Amino acid sequence: MSRPEHWRADSAGDSVVVLDIPASLSRHREFDIDVTLVVSVPVEGIQAWHELNLEVDGRKQWSRRIVSSCPGQTDGLDYHCRIHLVAERALRVRALAFTRGATVSSLFIEAREEL
């Protein structure tokens, strides 16, 4: 039996992160995909907001913009989905963060294979 695959991509504070999972020539796979955006919220000033967009294989999968809460601390957005890959199919997941007032602290994508 194969060991479950685990993939992770981190933006290192940038506003875009891409995770590429190569195709498997021999088997179908199913992945739990988690995307996490954490922003630093200013203590005072303009009404801050943050937005997370998710694309799967170049197609928009999900998008959400919210007002940033917790002035002087962090706030964030998370997204979870499950993707089934047939044999010989690769996967590209891209997350994009947009902000006003807040700044991106971290943005990452994690994919865990379910056996």
N, C-alpha and C. Protein backbone atom coordinates (compact mmCIF):
# COMPACT_ATOMS: atom_id res chain seq x y z
N MET A 1 0.84 -1.19 0.00
CA MET A 1 0.00 0.00 0.00
C MET A 1 0.88 1.25 0.00
N SER A 2 0.48 2.25 -0.70
CA SER A 2 1.22 3.51 -0.80
C SER A 2 1.06 4.33 0.47
N ARG A 3 2.08 5.14 0.74
CA ARG A 3 1.97 6.11 1.82
C ARG A 3 1.18 7.30 1.29
N PRO A 4 0.33 7.92 2.14
CA PRO A 4 -0.43 9.07 1.67
C PRO A 4 0.50 10.24 1.32
N GLU A 5 0.16 10.93 0.25
CA GLU A 5 0.94 12.09 -0.17
C GLU A 5 0.55 13.31 0.68
N HIS A 6 1.53 14.18 0.89
CA HIS A 6 1.30 15.43 1.61
C HIS A 6 2.07 16.52 0.89
N TRP A 7 1.37 17.55 0.48
CA TRP A 7 1.97 18.65 -0.26
C TRP A 7 1.66 19.95 0.46
N ARG A 8 2.61 20.90 0.42
CA ARG A 8 2.40 22.20 1.07
C ARG A 8 3.17 23.27 0.30
N ALA A 9 2.55 24.42 0.15
CA ALA A 9 3.20 25.59 -0.46
C ALA A 9 2.89 26.79 0.42
N ASP A 10 3.91 27.60 0.69
CA ASP A 10 3.79 28.76 1.55
C ASP A 10 4.25 29.98 0.78
N SER A 11 3.54 31.07 0.91
CA SER A 11 3.86 32.29 0.16
C SER A 11 4.98 33.11 0.78
N ALA A 12 5.40 32.78 1.99
CA ALA A 12 6.44 33.55 2.71
C ALA A 12 6.04 35.02 2.83
N GLY A 13 4.77 35.29 3.08
CA GLY A 13 4.28 36.65 3.27
C GLY A 13 3.84 37.34 2.01
N ASP A 14 4.00 36.71 0.86
CA ASP A 14 3.54 37.27 -0.41
C ASP A 14 2.03 37.09 -0.51
N SER A 15 1.41 37.68 -1.53
CA SER A 15 -0.04 37.60 -1.67
C SER A 15 -0.50 36.54 -2.66
N VAL A 16 0.42 35.74 -3.19
CA VAL A 16 0.07 34.67 -4.12
C VAL A 16 0.87 33.42 -3.76
N VAL A 17 0.19 32.27 -3.80
CA VAL A 17 0.88 31.00 -3.58
C VAL A 17 0.29 29.96 -4.54
N VAL A 18 1.16 29.12 -5.08
CA VAL A 18 0.75 28.09 -6.04
C VAL A 18 1.24 26.74 -5.54
N LEU A 19 0.36 25.75 -5.58
CA LEU A 19 0.71 24.38 -5.23
C LEU A 19 0.44 23.51 -6.45
N ASP A 20 1.49 22.85 -6.94
CA ASP A 20 1.38 21.93 -8.06
C ASP A 20 1.56 20.50 -7.55
N ILE A 21 0.59 19.66 -7.85
CA ILE A 21 0.67 18.24 -7.51
C ILE A 21 0.80 17.48 -8.83
N PRO A 22 1.92 16.79 -9.02
CA PRO A 22 2.11 16.07 -10.29
C PRO A 22 1.14 14.89 -10.43
N ALA A 23 0.94 14.48 -11.65
CA ALA A 23 0.05 13.35 -11.94
C ALA A 23 0.67 12.05 -11.44
N SER A 24 -0.19 11.13 -11.11
CA SER A 24 0.23 9.75 -10.83
C SER A 24 -0.20 8.93 -12.04
N LEU A 25 0.72 8.18 -12.60
CA LEU A 25 0.41 7.41 -13.80
C LEU A 25 -0.40 6.16 -13.49
N SER A 26 -0.40 5.74 -12.23
CA SER A 26 -0.97 4.43 -11.92
C SER A 26 -2.23 4.39 -11.07
N ARG A 27 -2.62 5.52 -10.45
CA ARG A 27 -3.75 5.40 -9.52
C ARG A 27 -4.56 6.69 -9.39
N HIS A 28 -5.80 6.50 -8.96
CA HIS A 28 -6.66 7.63 -8.61
C HIS A 28 -6.27 8.09 -7.20
N ARG A 29 -6.45 9.39 -6.95
CA ARG A 29 -6.14 9.94 -5.63
C ARG A 29 -7.21 10.92 -5.22
N GLU A 30 -7.37 11.09 -3.91
CA GLU A 30 -8.31 12.06 -3.37
C GLU A 30 -7.56 12.90 -2.33
N PHE A 31 -7.68 14.23 -2.46
CA PHE A 31 -6.96 15.13 -1.57
C PHE A 31 -7.92 16.04 -0.82
N ASP A 32 -7.63 16.24 0.47
CA ASP A 32 -8.25 17.31 1.24
C ASP A 32 -7.34 18.52 1.07
N ILE A 33 -7.90 19.61 0.58
CA ILE A 33 -7.15 20.84 0.32
C ILE A 33 -7.57 21.88 1.35
N ASP A 34 -6.59 22.47 2.04
CA ASP A 34 -6.84 23.55 2.98
C ASP A 34 -6.03 24.76 2.57
N VAL A 35 -6.70 25.91 2.52
CA VAL A 35 -6.04 27.17 2.20
C VAL A 35 -6.25 28.10 3.38
N THR A 36 -5.17 28.72 3.84
CA THR A 36 -5.25 29.60 5.01
C THR A 36 -4.57 30.93 4.71
N LEU A 37 -5.30 32.00 4.99
CA LEU A 37 -4.78 33.37 4.90
C LEU A 37 -4.82 33.99 6.28
N VAL A 38 -3.69 34.53 6.73
CA VAL A 38 -3.63 35.27 8.00
C VAL A 38 -3.12 36.66 7.68
N VAL A 39 -3.84 37.68 8.19
CA VAL A 39 -3.44 39.07 7.97
C VAL A 39 -3.20 39.76 9.30
N SER A 40 -2.31 40.76 9.28
CA SER A 40 -2.10 41.64 10.42
C SER A 40 -3.03 42.83 10.25
N VAL A 41 -3.77 43.14 11.30
CA VAL A 41 -4.76 44.22 11.24
C VAL A 41 -4.18 45.44 11.95
N PRO A 42 -4.25 46.62 11.32
CA PRO A 42 -3.71 47.82 11.97
C PRO A 42 -4.51 48.18 13.23
N VAL A 43 -3.84 48.87 14.14
CA VAL A 43 -4.48 49.27 15.39
C VAL A 43 -5.60 50.26 15.12
N GLU A 44 -5.35 51.22 14.25
CA GLU A 44 -6.37 52.22 13.93
C GLU A 44 -6.17 52.67 12.49
N GLY A 45 -7.10 53.44 12.03
CA GLY A 45 -7.00 53.93 10.66
C GLY A 45 -8.21 53.53 9.86
N ILE A 46 -7.97 53.25 8.59
CA ILE A 46 -9.08 52.95 7.68
C ILE A 46 -9.74 51.62 8.04
N GLN A 47 -10.94 51.46 7.57
CA GLN A 47 -11.65 50.18 7.73
C GLN A 47 -10.93 49.14 6.89
N ALA A 48 -10.20 48.24 7.54
CA ALA A 48 -9.41 47.24 6.83
C ALA A 48 -10.28 46.07 6.39
N TRP A 49 -9.89 45.44 5.29
CA TRP A 49 -10.54 44.21 4.83
C TRP A 49 -9.50 43.30 4.22
N HIS A 50 -9.87 42.03 4.08
CA HIS A 50 -9.02 41.07 3.40
C HIS A 50 -9.89 40.11 2.60
N GLU A 51 -9.29 39.60 1.53
CA GLU A 51 -10.01 38.76 0.58
C GLU A 51 -9.13 37.58 0.19
N LEU A 52 -9.75 36.43 0.04
CA LEU A 52 -9.06 35.23 -0.41
C LEU A 52 -9.77 34.69 -1.64
N ASN A 53 -8.99 34.44 -2.70
CA ASN A 53 -9.51 33.83 -3.93
C ASN A 53 -8.77 32.52 -4.15
N LEU A 54 -9.52 31.51 -4.59
CA LEU A 54 -8.92 30.22 -4.85
C LEU A 54 -9.24 29.78 -6.27
N GLU A 55 -8.20 29.36 -6.98
CA GLU A 55 -8.35 28.83 -8.33
C GLU A 55 -7.86 27.38 -8.34
N VAL A 56 -8.59 26.52 -9.04
CA VAL A 56 -8.19 25.13 -9.22
C VAL A 56 -8.07 24.90 -10.73
N ASP A 57 -6.87 24.55 -11.16
CA ASP A 57 -6.58 24.34 -12.58
C ASP A 57 -7.03 25.52 -13.43
N GLY A 58 -6.77 26.74 -12.93
CA GLY A 58 -7.05 27.96 -13.68
C GLY A 58 -8.48 28.46 -13.60
N ARG A 59 -9.35 27.77 -12.88
CA ARG A 59 -10.74 28.19 -12.76
C ARG A 59 -11.03 28.65 -11.34
N LYS A 60 -11.75 29.76 -11.24
CA LYS A 60 -12.10 30.27 -9.92
C LYS A 60 -13.00 29.28 -9.20
N GLN A 61 -12.58 28.87 -8.01
CA GLN A 61 -13.31 27.90 -7.20
C GLN A 61 -14.10 28.59 -6.10
N TRP A 62 -13.49 29.63 -5.51
CA TRP A 62 -14.10 30.27 -4.34
C TRP A 62 -13.48 31.64 -4.13
N SER A 63 -14.27 32.56 -3.56
CA SER A 63 -13.78 33.90 -3.25
C SER A 63 -14.60 34.47 -2.09
N ARG A 64 -13.90 35.15 -1.20
CA ARG A 64 -14.60 35.80 -0.10
C ARG A 64 -13.81 36.99 0.39
N ARG A 65 -14.51 38.11 0.64
CA ARG A 65 -13.91 39.31 1.23
C ARG A 65 -14.67 39.62 2.51
N ILE A 66 -13.90 39.90 3.57
CA ILE A 66 -14.53 40.25 4.85
C ILE A 66 -13.81 41.44 5.46
N VAL A 67 -14.51 42.13 6.35
CA VAL A 67 -13.91 43.21 7.12
C VAL A 67 -12.95 42.58 8.12
N SER A 68 -11.76 43.15 8.23
CA SER A 68 -10.75 42.62 9.16
C SER A 68 -11.10 43.02 10.58
N SER A 69 -11.18 42.04 11.46
CA SER A 69 -11.50 42.27 12.87
C SER A 69 -10.22 42.25 13.70
N CYS A 70 -10.34 42.50 14.97
CA CYS A 70 -9.23 42.41 15.94
C CYS A 70 -8.12 43.42 15.67
N PRO A 71 -8.40 44.72 15.74
CA PRO A 71 -7.35 45.74 15.52
C PRO A 71 -6.13 45.48 16.39
N GLY A 72 -4.95 45.57 15.78
CA GLY A 72 -3.70 45.35 16.48
C GLY A 72 -3.32 43.88 16.60
N GLN A 73 -4.14 42.99 16.04
CA GLN A 73 -3.87 41.56 16.11
C GLN A 73 -3.94 40.96 14.71
N THR A 74 -4.32 39.69 14.62
CA THR A 74 -4.45 39.05 13.31
C THR A 74 -5.88 38.58 13.09
N ASP A 75 -6.20 38.42 11.82
CA ASP A 75 -7.48 37.88 11.40
C ASP A 75 -7.19 36.99 10.21
N GLY A 76 -8.18 36.27 9.73
CA GLY A 76 -7.89 35.40 8.60
C GLY A 76 -9.11 34.81 7.94
N LEU A 77 -8.83 34.03 6.92
CA LEU A 77 -9.84 33.27 6.19
C LEU A 77 -9.28 31.89 5.90
N ASP A 78 -10.14 30.89 5.96
CA ASP A 78 -9.77 29.51 5.64
C ASP A 78 -10.75 28.96 4.63
N TYR A 79 -10.26 28.05 3.80
CA TYR A 79 -11.13 27.35 2.85
C TYR A 79 -10.70 25.89 2.80
N HIS A 80 -11.68 25.01 2.72
CA HIS A 80 -11.42 23.57 2.65
C HIS A 80 -12.25 22.97 1.53
N CYS A 81 -11.64 22.07 0.76
CA CYS A 81 -12.38 21.32 -0.24
C CYS A 81 -11.72 19.97 -0.43
N ARG A 82 -12.41 19.07 -1.08
CA ARG A 82 -11.87 17.75 -1.40
C ARG A 82 -11.87 17.62 -2.92
N ILE A 83 -10.75 17.15 -3.46
CA ILE A 83 -10.60 17.02 -4.91
C ILE A 83 -10.18 15.60 -5.25
N HIS A 84 -10.89 15.01 -6.20
CA HIS A 84 -10.59 13.66 -6.67
C HIS A 84 -9.80 13.79 -7.98
N LEU A 85 -8.65 13.14 -8.03
CA LEU A 85 -7.82 13.14 -9.23
C LEU A 85 -7.79 11.75 -9.84
N VAL A 86 -8.16 11.67 -11.10
CA VAL A 86 -8.04 10.39 -11.79
C VAL A 86 -6.58 10.19 -12.16
N ALA A 87 -6.22 8.95 -12.47
CA ALA A 87 -4.84 8.65 -12.88
C ALA A 87 -4.46 9.53 -14.06
N GLU A 88 -3.20 9.95 -14.09
CA GLU A 88 -2.61 10.77 -15.14
C GLU A 88 -3.06 12.23 -15.13
N ARG A 89 -3.74 12.67 -14.08
CA ARG A 89 -4.16 14.07 -13.98
C ARG A 89 -3.36 14.77 -12.89
N ALA A 90 -2.74 15.89 -13.26
CA ALA A 90 -2.04 16.74 -12.30
C ALA A 90 -3.04 17.76 -11.74
N LEU A 91 -2.61 18.50 -10.74
CA LEU A 91 -3.48 19.50 -10.13
C LEU A 91 -2.67 20.75 -9.82
N ARG A 92 -3.25 21.91 -10.12
CA ARG A 92 -2.65 23.20 -9.75
C ARG A 92 -3.68 23.98 -8.94
N VAL A 93 -3.28 24.36 -7.73
CA VAL A 93 -4.12 25.16 -6.86
C VAL A 93 -3.40 26.48 -6.62
N ARG A 94 -4.11 27.58 -6.85
CA ARG A 94 -3.51 28.91 -6.67
C ARG A 94 -4.41 29.73 -5.76
N ALA A 95 -3.80 30.33 -4.75
CA ALA A 95 -4.52 31.20 -3.83
C ALA A 95 -3.97 32.61 -3.97
N LEU A 96 -4.89 33.58 -3.98
CA LEU A 96 -4.52 34.99 -4.11
C LEU A 96 -5.17 35.76 -2.97
N ALA A 97 -4.39 36.61 -2.32
CA ALA A 97 -4.90 37.43 -1.23
C ALA A 97 -4.90 38.89 -1.67
N PHE A 98 -5.96 39.59 -1.30
CA PHE A 98 -6.05 41.02 -1.54
C PHE A 98 -6.40 41.67 -0.21
N THR A 99 -5.86 42.86 0.04
CA THR A 99 -6.11 43.53 1.30
C THR A 99 -6.25 45.03 1.10
N ARG A 100 -6.90 45.67 2.06
CA ARG A 100 -6.87 47.13 2.18
C ARG A 100 -6.71 47.42 3.67
N GLY A 101 -5.62 48.08 4.00
CA GLY A 101 -5.35 48.38 5.41
C GLY A 101 -4.61 47.27 6.13
N ALA A 102 -5.04 46.04 5.96
CA ALA A 102 -4.37 44.89 6.58
C ALA A 102 -3.19 44.46 5.69
N THR A 103 -2.28 43.68 6.26
CA THR A 103 -1.15 43.14 5.47
C THR A 103 -1.09 41.63 5.63
N VAL A 104 -0.67 40.95 4.57
CA VAL A 104 -0.59 39.50 4.59
C VAL A 104 0.54 39.06 5.50
N SER A 105 0.24 38.24 6.49
CA SER A 105 1.25 37.64 7.36
C SER A 105 1.65 36.28 6.83
N SER A 106 0.65 35.47 6.44
CA SER A 106 0.93 34.17 5.85
C SER A 106 -0.22 33.75 4.94
N LEU A 107 0.16 32.99 3.94
CA LEU A 107 -0.79 32.43 2.98
C LEU A 107 -0.23 31.09 2.57
N PHE A 108 -0.98 30.03 2.81
CA PHE A 108 -0.45 28.72 2.42
C PHE A 108 -1.57 27.78 1.98
N ILE A 109 -1.14 26.77 1.22
CA ILE A 109 -2.03 25.72 0.74
C ILE A 109 -1.44 24.40 1.21
N GLU A 110 -2.31 23.53 1.71
CA GLU A 110 -1.87 22.21 2.13
C GLU A 110 -2.81 21.18 1.51
N ALA A 111 -2.23 20.09 0.99
CA ALA A 111 -3.02 19.01 0.39
C ALA A 111 -2.61 17.71 1.06
N ARG A 112 -3.59 17.01 1.63
CA ARG A 112 -3.34 15.72 2.26
C ARG A 112 -4.16 14.66 1.55
N GLU A 113 -3.48 13.62 1.13
CA GLU A 113 -4.17 12.55 0.43
C GLU A 113 -4.94 11.68 1.43
N GLU A 114 -6.15 11.35 1.06
CA GLU A 114 -6.98 10.44 1.85
C GLU A 114 -6.91 9.06 1.20
N LEU A 115 -6.44 8.07 1.95
CA LEU A 115 -6.36 6.71 1.43
C LEU A 115 -7.56 5.90 1.86
